[in-house]
Amino acid sequence: MNGKTRLSVALAAHPSVLEYIISLNPHDFQRLRNPLMNKVMPPRITLGRIAAMVGIPEKELVDKIKEIAGITQDWTDDSTEHEAMPQSAKEKPSWLVQCAAGSITWVDVTPLDAHLGDPMPPINIAVNTSKPGDVIGVKHMWEPQPLFDIWHARGFEFWSEQIDPDLWHVYIYHPQKV
């Protein structure tokens, strides 16, 4: 088990791992109690991403999960801890500054969030059908950091801002060279 390990593997190791993960960030991870979200979220997110989201060292998170699960094997150093996880930039990117407000295609997943539904399908549809130069705006109750990994790997650019405690605006830019 290491930073590349999917949350689904860690949760399968011991039932108490779920409570530990939720305790790290109840706002974002409480939804793991919902059976649908517990099914769809854990295979999508790595332990390295969780560590980045909650601001603790990857090794510390993995070691604690191993302790909870009674796993005694040594830490393997093939983790992603030394690699920077894709994150939203601090400053608004130029592609968003130059974008006309009316040209953003919005996807509001807050109703899904409120009912602990899966926001990924409508977000994926919008991103996958976008054309070069398009900007997709997502209204979300959480900052969807696991999606940052996917977008980064596909060459999309993104930026997020917290509007209030339960509302994030996330912008995804489809560059000319995806």
C-alpha atoms as a PDB file:
ATOM      1  CA  MET A   1       0.000   0.000   0.000  1.00  0.00           C
ATOM      2  CA  ASN A   2       1.336   3.424  -0.987  1.00  0.00           C
ATOM      3  CA  GLY A   3       0.268   6.776  -2.400  1.00  0.00           C
ATOM      4  CA  LYS A   4      -0.779   5.231  -5.713  1.00  0.00           C
ATOM      5  CA  THR A   5      -3.129   2.841  -3.930  1.00  0.00           C
ATOM      6  CA  ARG A   6      -6.788   3.547  -4.631  1.00  0.00           C
ATOM      7  CA  LEU A   7      -9.027   4.414  -1.703  1.00  0.00           C
ATOM      8  CA  SER A   8     -11.181   1.386  -2.581  1.00  0.00           C
ATOM      9  CA  VAL A   9      -8.258  -0.919  -1.695  1.00  0.00           C
ATOM     10  CA  ALA A  10      -7.679   0.863   1.627  1.00  0.00           C
ATOM     11  CA  LEU A  11     -11.382   0.684   2.527  1.00  0.00           C
ATOM     12  CA  ALA A  12     -11.430  -3.042   1.744  1.00  0.00           C
ATOM     13  CA  ALA A  13      -8.503  -3.574   4.144  1.00  0.00           C
ATOM     14  CA  HIS A  14     -10.573  -2.782   7.258  1.00  0.00           C
ATOM     15  CA  PRO A  15     -13.995  -1.214   7.996  1.00  0.00           C
ATOM     16  CA  SER A  16     -12.473   1.348  10.392  1.00  0.00           C
ATOM     17  CA  VAL A  17     -10.496   2.950   7.565  1.00  0.00           C
ATOM     18  CA  LEU A  18     -13.715   4.652   6.412  1.00  0.00           C
ATOM     19  CA  GLU A  19     -14.146   6.475   9.734  1.00  0.00           C
ATOM     20  CA  TYR A  20     -10.522   7.571   9.696  1.00  0.00           C
ATOM     21  CA  ILE A  21     -10.802   8.978   6.173  1.00  0.00           C
ATOM     22  CA  ILE A  22     -14.036  10.811   7.030  1.00  0.00           C
ATOM     23  CA  SER A  23     -12.417  12.274  10.171  1.00  0.00           C
ATOM     24  CA  LEU A  24      -9.698  13.890   8.039  1.00  0.00           C
ATOM     25  CA  ASN A  25     -12.183  16.122   6.214  1.00  0.00           C
ATOM     26  CA  PRO A  26     -15.817  15.540   7.225  1.00  0.00           C
ATOM     27  CA  HIS A  27     -17.101  18.200   4.800  1.00  0.00           C
ATOM     28  CA  ASP A  28     -15.705  16.417   1.747  1.00  0.00           C
ATOM     29  CA  PHE A  29     -15.628  12.798   2.879  1.00  0.00           C
ATOM     30  CA  GLN A  30     -18.893  12.454   4.847  1.00  0.00           C
ATOM     31  CA  ARG A  31     -20.547  11.546   1.556  1.00  0.00           C
ATOM     32  CA  LEU A  32     -18.603   8.274   1.585  1.00  0.00           C
ATOM     33  CA  ARG A  33     -21.293   7.033   3.993  1.00  0.00           C
ATOM     34  CA  ASN A  34     -23.765   7.132   1.111  1.00  0.00           C
ATOM     35  CA  PRO A  35     -23.778   3.675  -0.572  1.00  0.00           C
ATOM     36  CA  LEU A  36     -23.670   5.117  -4.108  1.00  0.00           C
ATOM     37  CA  MET A  37     -20.814   7.499  -3.338  1.00  0.00           C
ATOM     38  CA  ASN A  38     -18.984   4.768  -1.427  1.00  0.00           C
ATOM     39  CA  LYS A  39     -19.185   2.680  -4.572  1.00  0.00           C
ATOM     40  CA  VAL A  40     -18.174   5.290  -7.176  1.00  0.00           C
ATOM     41  CA  MET A  41     -15.690   7.584  -5.378  1.00  0.00           C
ATOM     42  CA  PRO A  42     -13.078   5.228  -3.859  1.00  0.00           C
ATOM     43  CA  PRO A  43     -11.929   3.645  -7.139  1.00  0.00           C
ATOM     44  CA  ARG A  44     -11.371   7.153  -8.579  1.00  0.00           C
ATOM     45  CA  ILE A  45      -9.120   8.577  -5.878  1.00  0.00           C
ATOM     46  CA  THR A  46      -5.653   7.626  -4.694  1.00  0.00           C
ATOM     47  CA  LEU A  47      -4.319   7.826  -1.168  1.00  0.00           C
ATOM     48  CA  GLY A  48      -1.811  10.374  -2.471  1.00  0.00           C
ATOM     49  CA  ARG A  49      -4.665  12.622  -3.603  1.00  0.00           C
ATOM     50  CA  ILE A  50      -6.402  12.269  -0.226  1.00  0.00           C
ATOM     51  CA  ALA A  51      -3.169  13.225   1.550  1.00  0.00           C
ATOM     52  CA  ALA A  52      -2.868  16.294  -0.703  1.00  0.00           C
ATOM     53  CA  MET A  53      -6.497  17.253  -0.084  1.00  0.00           C
ATOM     54  CA  VAL A  54      -6.150  17.142   3.703  1.00  0.00           C
ATOM     55  CA  GLY A  55      -2.601  18.496   3.852  1.00  0.00           C
ATOM     56  CA  ILE A  56      -0.767  15.636   5.494  1.00  0.00           C
ATOM     57  CA  PRO A  57       2.290  13.728   4.266  1.00  0.00           C
ATOM     58  CA  GLU A  58       1.386  10.774   2.086  1.00  0.00           C
ATOM     59  CA  LYS A  59       3.500   8.379   4.149  1.00  0.00           C
ATOM     60  CA  GLU A  60       1.718   9.471   7.348  1.00  0.00           C
ATOM     61  CA  LEU A  61      -1.680   8.740   5.803  1.00  0.00           C
ATOM     62  CA  VAL A  62      -0.623   5.353   4.435  1.00  0.00           C
ATOM     63  CA  ASP A  63       1.067   4.367   7.701  1.00  0.00           C
ATOM     64  CA  LYS A  64      -2.083   5.238   9.685  1.00  0.00           C
ATOM     65  CA  ILE A  65      -4.290   3.234   7.323  1.00  0.00           C
ATOM     66  CA  LYS A  66      -1.912   0.294   7.563  1.00  0.00           C
ATOM     67  CA  GLU A  67      -1.983   0.585  11.366  1.00  0.00           C
ATOM     68  CA  ILE A  68      -5.806   0.626  11.409  1.00  0.00           C
ATOM     69  CA  ALA A  69      -5.953  -2.342   9.040  1.00  0.00           C
ATOM     70  CA  GLY A  70      -3.274  -4.302  10.906  1.00  0.00           C
ATOM     71  CA  ILE A  71      -0.958  -4.375   7.893  1.00  0.00           C
ATOM     72  CA  THR A  72       2.627  -4.825   9.004  1.00  0.00           C
ATOM     73  CA  GLN A  73       4.535  -4.775   5.717  1.00  0.00           C
ATOM     74  CA  ASP A  74       7.015  -1.934   5.298  1.00  0.00           C
ATOM     75  CA  TRP A  75       6.262   1.249   3.393  1.00  0.00           C
ATOM     76  CA  THR A  76       7.232   0.857  -0.244  1.00  0.00           C
ATOM     77  CA  ASP A  77       8.747   3.948  -1.750  1.00  0.00           C
ATOM     78  CA  ASP A  78       7.124   3.702  -5.180  1.00  0.00           C
ATOM     79  CA  SER A  79       4.659   6.378  -4.128  1.00  0.00           C
ATOM     80  CA  THR A  80       3.874   9.665  -5.783  1.00  0.00           C
ATOM     81  CA  GLU A  81       4.777  11.701  -2.699  1.00  0.00           C
ATOM     82  CA  HIS A  82       7.772  13.266  -4.435  1.00  0.00           C
ATOM     83  CA  GLU A  83       5.622  14.167  -7.460  1.00  0.00           C
ATOM     84  CA  ALA A  84       3.492  17.280  -7.228  1.00  0.00           C
ATOM     85  CA  MET A  85      -0.210  16.584  -7.485  1.00  0.00           C
ATOM     86  CA  PRO A  86      -2.062  18.737 -10.026  1.00  0.00           C
ATOM     87  CA  GLN A  87      -3.596  21.664  -8.163  1.00  0.00           C
ATOM     88  CA  SER A  88      -5.519  24.766  -9.041  1.00  0.00           C
ATOM     89  CA  ALA A  89      -3.227  27.770  -9.453  1.00  0.00           C
ATOM     90  CA  LYS A  90      -3.454  30.533  -6.852  1.00  0.00           C
ATOM     91  CA  GLU A  91      -4.020  33.246  -9.464  1.00  0.00           C
ATOM     92  CA  LYS A  92      -6.755  33.284 -12.091  1.00  0.00           C
ATOM     93  CA  PRO A  93      -5.198  32.035 -15.358  1.00  0.00           C
ATOM     94  CA  SER A  94      -4.992  34.276 -18.429  1.00  0.00           C
ATOM     95  CA  TRP A  95      -7.359  32.060 -20.447  1.00  0.00           C
ATOM     96  CA  LEU A  96     -10.070  32.707 -17.853  1.00  0.00           C
ATOM     97  CA  VAL A  97      -9.316  36.426 -17.494  1.00  0.00           C
ATOM     98  CA  GLN A  98      -9.690  36.793 -21.265  1.00  0.00           C
ATOM     99  CA  CYS A  99     -12.840  34.671 -21.430  1.00  0.00           C
ATOM    100  CA  ALA A 100     -16.122  36.536 -21.812  1.00  0.00           C
ATOM    101  CA  ALA A 101     -18.480  35.594 -18.963  1.00  0.00           C
ATOM    102  CA  GLY A 102     -21.263  34.691 -21.391  1.00  0.00           C
ATOM    103  CA  SER A 103     -19.046  32.233 -23.248  1.00  0.00           C
ATOM    104  CA  ILE A 104     -18.663  29.854 -20.298  1.00  0.00           C
ATOM    105  CA  THR A 105     -20.791  26.712 -20.495  1.00  0.00           C
ATOM    106  CA  TRP A 106     -22.014  26.023 -16.958  1.00  0.00           C
ATOM    107  CA  VAL A 107     -22.714  22.666 -15.333  1.00  0.00           C
ATOM    108  CA  ASP A 108     -24.408  22.926 -11.941  1.00  0.00           C
ATOM    109  CA  VAL A 109     -23.913  19.728  -9.964  1.00  0.00           C
ATOM    110  CA  THR A 110     -24.928  21.239  -6.619  1.00  0.00           C
ATOM    111  CA  PRO A 111     -28.372  19.539  -6.721  1.00  0.00           C
ATOM    112  CA  LEU A 112     -26.578  16.201  -7.178  1.00  0.00           C
ATOM    113  CA  ASP A 113     -24.143  17.121  -4.403  1.00  0.00           C
ATOM    114  CA  ALA A 114     -27.030  17.943  -2.059  1.00  0.00           C
ATOM    115  CA  HIS A 115     -28.483  14.467  -2.563  1.00  0.00           C
ATOM    116  CA  LEU A 116     -25.059  12.789  -2.522  1.00  0.00           C
ATOM    117  CA  GLY A 117     -25.398  11.779  -6.151  1.00  0.00           C
ATOM    118  CA  ASP A 118     -22.521  11.226  -8.542  1.00  0.00           C
ATOM    119  CA  PRO A 119     -21.491  14.532 -10.154  1.00  0.00           C
ATOM    120  CA  MET A 120     -18.933  12.957 -12.467  1.00  0.00           C
ATOM    121  CA  PRO A 121     -21.225  11.984 -15.409  1.00  0.00           C
ATOM    122  CA  PRO A 122     -22.548  15.497 -16.160  1.00  0.00           C
ATOM    123  CA  ILE A 123     -19.087  16.995 -15.692  1.00  0.00           C
ATOM    124  CA  ASN A 124     -17.550  14.388 -18.000  1.00  0.00           C
ATOM    125  CA  ILE A 125     -20.184  14.965 -20.671  1.00  0.00           C
ATOM    126  CA  ALA A 126     -19.474  18.710 -20.683  1.00  0.00           C
ATOM    127  CA  VAL A 127     -15.695  18.287 -20.719  1.00  0.00           C
ATOM    128  CA  ASN A 128     -15.698  15.472 -23.283  1.00  0.00           C
ATOM    129  CA  THR A 129     -17.931  17.374 -25.709  1.00  0.00           C
ATOM    130  CA  SER A 130     -16.020  20.654 -25.380  1.00  0.00           C
ATOM    131  CA  LYS A 131     -14.100  22.038 -28.345  1.00  0.00           C
ATOM    132  CA  PRO A 132     -10.674  23.686 -28.374  1.00  0.00           C
ATOM    133  CA  GLY A 133     -10.957  27.130 -26.796  1.00  0.00           C
ATOM    134  CA  ASP A 134     -14.072  26.248 -24.770  1.00  0.00           C
ATOM    135  CA  VAL A 135     -14.333  26.958 -21.056  1.00  0.00           C
ATOM    136  CA  ILE A 136     -16.605  24.790 -18.928  1.00  0.00           C
ATOM    137  CA  GLY A 137     -17.716  26.172 -15.555  1.00  0.00           C
ATOM    138  CA  VAL A 138     -18.775  23.752 -12.842  1.00  0.00           C
ATOM    139  CA  LYS A 139     -20.749  24.742  -9.757  1.00  0.00           C
ATOM    140  CA  HIS A 140     -19.868  22.176  -7.105  1.00  0.00           C
ATOM    141  CA  MET A 141     -20.198  21.906  -3.329  1.00  0.00           C
ATOM    142  CA  TRP A 142     -16.621  20.607  -3.118  1.00  0.00           C
ATOM    143  CA  GLU A 143     -13.364  21.246  -4.895  1.00  0.00           C
ATOM    144  CA  PRO A 144     -13.205  18.124  -7.102  1.00  0.00           C
ATOM    145  CA  GLN A 145      -9.489  17.481  -6.745  1.00  0.00           C
ATOM    146  CA  PRO A 146      -9.667  13.861  -7.986  1.00  0.00           C
ATOM    147  CA  LEU A 147     -10.841  15.260 -11.328  1.00  0.00           C
ATOM    148  CA  PHE A 148      -7.734  17.467 -11.459  1.00  0.00           C
ATOM    149  CA  ASP A 149      -5.662  14.311 -11.976  1.00  0.00           C
ATOM    150  CA  ILE A 150      -7.850  13.245 -14.909  1.00  0.00           C
ATOM    151  CA  TRP A 151      -7.939  16.682 -16.541  1.00  0.00           C
ATOM    152  CA  HIS A 152      -4.208  17.166 -16.106  1.00  0.00           C
ATOM    153  CA  ALA A 153      -3.472  13.787 -17.708  1.00  0.00           C
ATOM    154  CA  ARG A 154      -5.695  14.707 -20.664  1.00  0.00           C
ATOM    155  CA  GLY A 155      -4.023  18.100 -21.172  1.00  0.00           C
ATOM    156  CA  PHE A 156      -6.911  20.267 -19.986  1.00  0.00           C
ATOM    157  CA  GLU A 157      -6.244  23.305 -17.816  1.00  0.00           C
ATOM    158  CA  PHE A 158      -8.356  24.175 -14.785  1.00  0.00           C
ATOM    159  CA  TRP A 159      -8.797  26.693 -12.033  1.00  0.00           C
ATOM    160  CA  SER A 160     -11.071  26.698  -9.002  1.00  0.00           C
ATOM    161  CA  GLU A 161     -12.278  29.265  -6.517  1.00  0.00           C
ATOM    162  CA  GLN A 162     -14.312  28.858  -3.363  1.00  0.00           C
ATOM    163  CA  ILE A 163     -17.346  31.140  -3.478  1.00  0.00           C
ATOM    164  CA  ASP A 164     -18.681  30.217  -0.024  1.00  0.00           C
ATOM    165  CA  PRO A 165     -18.230  27.242   2.336  1.00  0.00           C
ATOM    166  CA  ASP A 166     -20.516  25.024   0.235  1.00  0.00           C
ATOM    167  CA  LEU A 167     -19.931  26.394  -3.256  1.00  0.00           C
ATOM    168  CA  TRP A 168     -16.957  26.145  -5.583  1.00  0.00           C
ATOM    169  CA  HIS A 169     -16.670  27.398  -9.136  1.00  0.00           C
ATOM    170  CA  VAL A 170     -14.341  25.225 -11.171  1.00  0.00           C
ATOM    171  CA  TYR A 171     -13.300  26.229 -14.673  1.00  0.00           C
ATOM    172  CA  ILE A 172     -11.942  23.755 -17.211  1.00  0.00           C
ATOM    173  CA  TYR A 173     -10.235  25.042 -20.342  1.00  0.00           C
ATOM    174  CA  HIS A 174      -9.934  22.955 -23.486  1.00  0.00           C
ATOM    175  CA  PRO A 175      -6.664  24.172 -25.011  1.00  0.00           C
ATOM    176  CA  GLN A 176      -5.964  23.997 -28.724  1.00  0.00           C
ATOM    177  CA  LYS A 177      -3.524  21.077 -28.304  1.00  0.00           C
ATOM    178  CA  VAL A 178      -5.486  18.362 -26.447  1.00  0.00           C
END
